[in-house]
Amino acid sequence: MAEGINVEWHNYRHPYYNQLWLKEQGFISHLSLMDIFFNHGPEALIILTGRKLIPRPEGIKVRHADEVMSWGDKSYAN
């Protein structure tokens, strides 16, 4: 390791929060910050910092944004 450079690991856990189409699409993680701001308004920062935890309802599918969206042609998977 180079002198004066430290490696720090970050164990980020994406927070669960309610989304508009949750029942139809499941929870889609790793969307832009705009998604949580539009869905939760002023309490978005409290959720992002982990000071408010929203429990995930049983039976809700969780998918990563990369599984749902094809960025190249802007088409969306079901």
N, C-alpha and C. Protein backbone atom coordinates (compact mmCIF):
# COMPACT_ATOMS: atom_id res chain seq x y z
N MET A 1 0.85 -1.17 0.00
CA MET A 1 0.00 0.00 0.00
C MET A 1 0.90 1.24 0.00
N ALA A 2 0.51 2.24 -0.74
CA ALA A 2 1.29 3.47 -0.83
C ALA A 2 1.28 4.21 0.50
N GLU A 3 2.36 4.87 0.77
CA GLU A 3 2.47 5.62 2.01
C GLU A 3 1.47 6.77 2.02
N GLY A 4 0.75 6.90 3.13
CA GLY A 4 -0.21 7.99 3.27
C GLY A 4 -1.59 7.70 2.69
N ILE A 5 -1.77 6.52 2.11
CA ILE A 5 -3.08 6.15 1.56
C ILE A 5 -3.65 5.01 2.38
N ASN A 6 -4.83 5.19 2.89
CA ASN A 6 -5.51 4.15 3.67
C ASN A 6 -6.73 3.67 2.90
N VAL A 7 -7.01 2.40 3.03
CA VAL A 7 -8.21 1.81 2.44
C VAL A 7 -9.24 1.67 3.54
N GLU A 8 -10.43 2.18 3.30
CA GLU A 8 -11.52 2.05 4.26
C GLU A 8 -12.68 1.36 3.56
N TRP A 9 -13.20 0.30 4.15
CA TRP A 9 -14.31 -0.44 3.59
C TRP A 9 -15.62 0.13 4.11
N HIS A 10 -16.56 0.18 3.24
CA HIS A 10 -17.88 0.68 3.61
C HIS A 10 -18.90 -0.43 3.34
N ASN A 11 -19.63 -0.82 4.34
CA ASN A 11 -20.65 -1.86 4.20
C ASN A 11 -22.02 -1.20 4.09
N TYR A 12 -22.33 -0.69 2.90
CA TYR A 12 -23.58 0.02 2.70
C TYR A 12 -24.73 -0.95 2.54
N ARG A 13 -25.76 -0.72 3.29
CA ARG A 13 -26.99 -1.51 3.16
C ARG A 13 -28.07 -0.59 2.64
N HIS A 14 -28.54 -0.90 1.46
CA HIS A 14 -29.56 -0.06 0.85
C HIS A 14 -30.83 -0.13 1.69
N PRO A 15 -31.37 1.03 2.06
CA PRO A 15 -32.57 1.01 2.91
C PRO A 15 -33.81 0.61 2.11
N TYR A 16 -34.71 -0.06 2.78
CA TYR A 16 -36.02 -0.35 2.19
C TYR A 16 -36.91 0.86 2.47
N TYR A 17 -37.73 1.23 1.51
CA TYR A 17 -38.72 2.29 1.69
C TYR A 17 -39.88 2.01 0.76
N ASN A 18 -41.00 2.61 1.03
CA ASN A 18 -42.19 2.38 0.21
C ASN A 18 -42.08 3.12 -1.12
N GLN A 19 -42.42 2.41 -2.19
CA GLN A 19 -42.41 2.98 -3.53
C GLN A 19 -43.83 2.94 -4.09
N LEU A 20 -44.09 3.82 -5.05
CA LEU A 20 -45.43 3.98 -5.60
C LEU A 20 -46.02 2.67 -6.14
N TRP A 21 -45.24 1.92 -6.91
CA TRP A 21 -45.75 0.69 -7.54
C TRP A 21 -45.29 -0.56 -6.80
N LEU A 22 -45.17 -0.47 -5.49
CA LEU A 22 -44.62 -1.55 -4.68
C LEU A 22 -45.38 -2.87 -4.85
N LYS A 23 -46.70 -2.81 -4.77
CA LYS A 23 -47.49 -4.05 -4.86
C LYS A 23 -47.39 -4.70 -6.23
N GLU A 24 -47.30 -3.89 -7.29
CA GLU A 24 -47.25 -4.43 -8.65
C GLU A 24 -45.84 -4.86 -9.07
N GLN A 25 -44.84 -4.06 -8.71
CA GLN A 25 -43.48 -4.29 -9.20
C GLN A 25 -42.52 -4.85 -8.16
N GLY A 26 -42.89 -4.82 -6.90
CA GLY A 26 -41.96 -5.17 -5.83
C GLY A 26 -41.07 -3.97 -5.54
N PHE A 27 -40.11 -4.15 -4.65
CA PHE A 27 -39.21 -3.06 -4.30
C PHE A 27 -38.02 -3.08 -5.25
N ILE A 28 -37.71 -1.95 -5.84
CA ILE A 28 -36.57 -1.83 -6.75
C ILE A 28 -35.51 -0.99 -6.05
N SER A 29 -34.41 -1.63 -5.69
CA SER A 29 -33.34 -0.93 -4.98
C SER A 29 -32.39 -0.24 -5.96
N HIS A 30 -31.58 0.65 -5.43
CA HIS A 30 -30.51 1.33 -6.16
C HIS A 30 -31.01 2.19 -7.32
N LEU A 31 -32.15 2.82 -7.11
CA LEU A 31 -32.61 3.83 -8.05
C LEU A 31 -31.97 5.16 -7.67
N SER A 32 -32.29 6.21 -8.35
CA SER A 32 -31.69 7.51 -8.03
C SER A 32 -32.26 8.05 -6.71
N LEU A 33 -31.59 9.03 -6.16
CA LEU A 33 -32.09 9.67 -4.95
C LEU A 33 -33.46 10.28 -5.17
N MET A 34 -33.76 10.66 -6.38
CA MET A 34 -35.06 11.27 -6.67
C MET A 34 -36.21 10.33 -6.31
N ASP A 35 -36.00 9.02 -6.46
CA ASP A 35 -37.05 8.06 -6.15
C ASP A 35 -37.47 8.14 -4.69
N ILE A 36 -36.52 8.11 -3.78
CA ILE A 36 -36.87 8.18 -2.36
C ILE A 36 -37.42 9.56 -2.00
N PHE A 37 -36.89 10.62 -2.61
CA PHE A 37 -37.40 11.96 -2.32
C PHE A 37 -38.84 12.12 -2.81
N PHE A 38 -39.16 11.60 -3.99
CA PHE A 38 -40.53 11.69 -4.48
C PHE A 38 -41.49 10.81 -3.67
N ASN A 39 -41.00 9.68 -3.18
CA ASN A 39 -41.86 8.77 -2.42
C ASN A 39 -42.01 9.15 -0.94
N HIS A 40 -41.01 9.83 -0.36
CA HIS A 40 -41.05 10.11 1.08
C HIS A 40 -40.83 11.56 1.48
N GLY A 41 -40.54 12.40 0.53
CA GLY A 41 -40.40 13.83 0.82
C GLY A 41 -39.37 14.12 1.89
N PRO A 42 -39.70 14.98 2.86
CA PRO A 42 -38.74 15.42 3.87
C PRO A 42 -38.16 14.29 4.74
N GLU A 43 -38.85 13.18 4.88
CA GLU A 43 -38.31 12.11 5.73
C GLU A 43 -37.30 11.23 4.99
N ALA A 44 -37.05 11.51 3.72
CA ALA A 44 -36.10 10.71 2.94
C ALA A 44 -34.71 10.69 3.57
N LEU A 45 -34.22 11.82 4.03
CA LEU A 45 -32.90 11.88 4.64
C LEU A 45 -32.83 11.04 5.92
N ILE A 46 -33.90 11.03 6.67
CA ILE A 46 -33.94 10.23 7.90
C ILE A 46 -33.86 8.73 7.56
N ILE A 47 -34.51 8.33 6.48
CA ILE A 47 -34.45 6.94 6.04
C ILE A 47 -33.06 6.60 5.51
N LEU A 48 -32.49 7.48 4.70
CA LEU A 48 -31.17 7.24 4.11
C LEU A 48 -30.06 7.14 5.15
N THR A 49 -30.18 7.88 6.23
CA THR A 49 -29.16 7.85 7.27
C THR A 49 -29.39 6.73 8.29
N GLY A 50 -30.46 5.97 8.12
CA GLY A 50 -30.73 4.84 9.00
C GLY A 50 -31.40 5.20 10.31
N ARG A 51 -31.82 6.44 10.46
CA ARG A 51 -32.49 6.83 11.70
C ARG A 51 -33.95 6.42 11.71
N LYS A 52 -34.49 6.05 10.55
CA LYS A 52 -35.86 5.52 10.48
C LYS A 52 -35.81 4.28 9.60
N LEU A 53 -36.25 3.17 10.16
CA LEU A 53 -36.30 1.92 9.41
C LEU A 53 -37.75 1.58 9.07
N ILE A 54 -37.99 1.27 7.82
CA ILE A 54 -39.32 0.87 7.39
C ILE A 54 -39.26 -0.64 7.14
N PRO A 55 -40.03 -1.41 7.87
CA PRO A 55 -39.99 -2.87 7.68
C PRO A 55 -40.58 -3.26 6.32
N ARG A 56 -39.94 -4.23 5.69
CA ARG A 56 -40.42 -4.72 4.39
C ARG A 56 -41.55 -5.70 4.64
N PRO A 57 -42.71 -5.45 4.02
CA PRO A 57 -43.83 -6.39 4.19
C PRO A 57 -43.47 -7.76 3.62
N GLU A 58 -44.00 -8.78 4.23
CA GLU A 58 -43.76 -10.14 3.76
C GLU A 58 -44.32 -10.31 2.35
N GLY A 59 -43.59 -11.04 1.54
CA GLY A 59 -44.07 -11.33 0.19
C GLY A 59 -43.69 -10.29 -0.86
N ILE A 60 -43.03 -9.22 -0.47
CA ILE A 60 -42.62 -8.20 -1.43
C ILE A 60 -41.28 -8.60 -2.03
N LYS A 61 -41.24 -8.71 -3.35
CA LYS A 61 -40.02 -9.08 -4.05
C LYS A 61 -39.08 -7.87 -4.08
N VAL A 62 -37.79 -8.11 -3.86
CA VAL A 62 -36.78 -7.05 -3.92
C VAL A 62 -35.89 -7.32 -5.12
N ARG A 63 -35.75 -6.31 -5.98
CA ARG A 63 -34.89 -6.45 -7.16
C ARG A 63 -33.97 -5.24 -7.25
N HIS A 64 -32.81 -5.45 -7.82
CA HIS A 64 -31.84 -4.38 -8.07
C HIS A 64 -32.26 -3.66 -9.35
N ALA A 65 -32.02 -2.36 -9.43
CA ALA A 65 -32.39 -1.57 -10.60
C ALA A 65 -31.80 -2.16 -11.89
N ASP A 66 -30.60 -2.72 -11.81
CA ASP A 66 -29.98 -3.30 -13.00
C ASP A 66 -30.74 -4.52 -13.52
N GLU A 67 -31.49 -5.20 -12.67
CA GLU A 67 -32.28 -6.35 -13.10
C GLU A 67 -33.55 -5.91 -13.83
N VAL A 68 -34.00 -4.73 -13.55
CA VAL A 68 -35.29 -4.26 -14.03
C VAL A 68 -35.17 -3.41 -15.28
N MET A 69 -34.12 -2.61 -15.36
CA MET A 69 -34.01 -1.64 -16.44
C MET A 69 -32.86 -1.99 -17.37
N SER A 70 -33.11 -1.85 -18.66
CA SER A 70 -32.07 -2.00 -19.65
C SER A 70 -31.68 -0.59 -20.07
N TRP A 71 -30.52 -0.13 -19.58
CA TRP A 71 -30.12 1.26 -19.79
C TRP A 71 -29.77 1.57 -21.23
N GLY A 72 -29.30 0.60 -21.98
CA GLY A 72 -28.86 0.86 -23.35
C GLY A 72 -29.96 1.35 -24.27
N ASP A 73 -31.10 0.66 -24.24
CA ASP A 73 -32.17 1.05 -25.17
C ASP A 73 -33.37 1.68 -24.45
N LYS A 74 -33.23 1.95 -23.16
CA LYS A 74 -34.27 2.58 -22.35
C LYS A 74 -35.56 1.76 -22.28
N SER A 75 -35.50 0.48 -22.58
CA SER A 75 -36.68 -0.37 -22.43
C SER A 75 -36.72 -0.91 -21.02
N TYR A 76 -37.88 -1.21 -20.52
CA TYR A 76 -38.04 -1.68 -19.15
C TYR A 76 -38.60 -3.09 -19.16
N ALA A 77 -38.03 -3.91 -18.31
CA ALA A 77 -38.49 -5.29 -18.18
C ALA A 77 -39.67 -5.35 -17.22
N ASN A 78 -40.45 -6.39 -17.33
CA ASN A 78 -41.58 -6.58 -16.41
C ASN A 78 -41.15 -7.40 -15.24
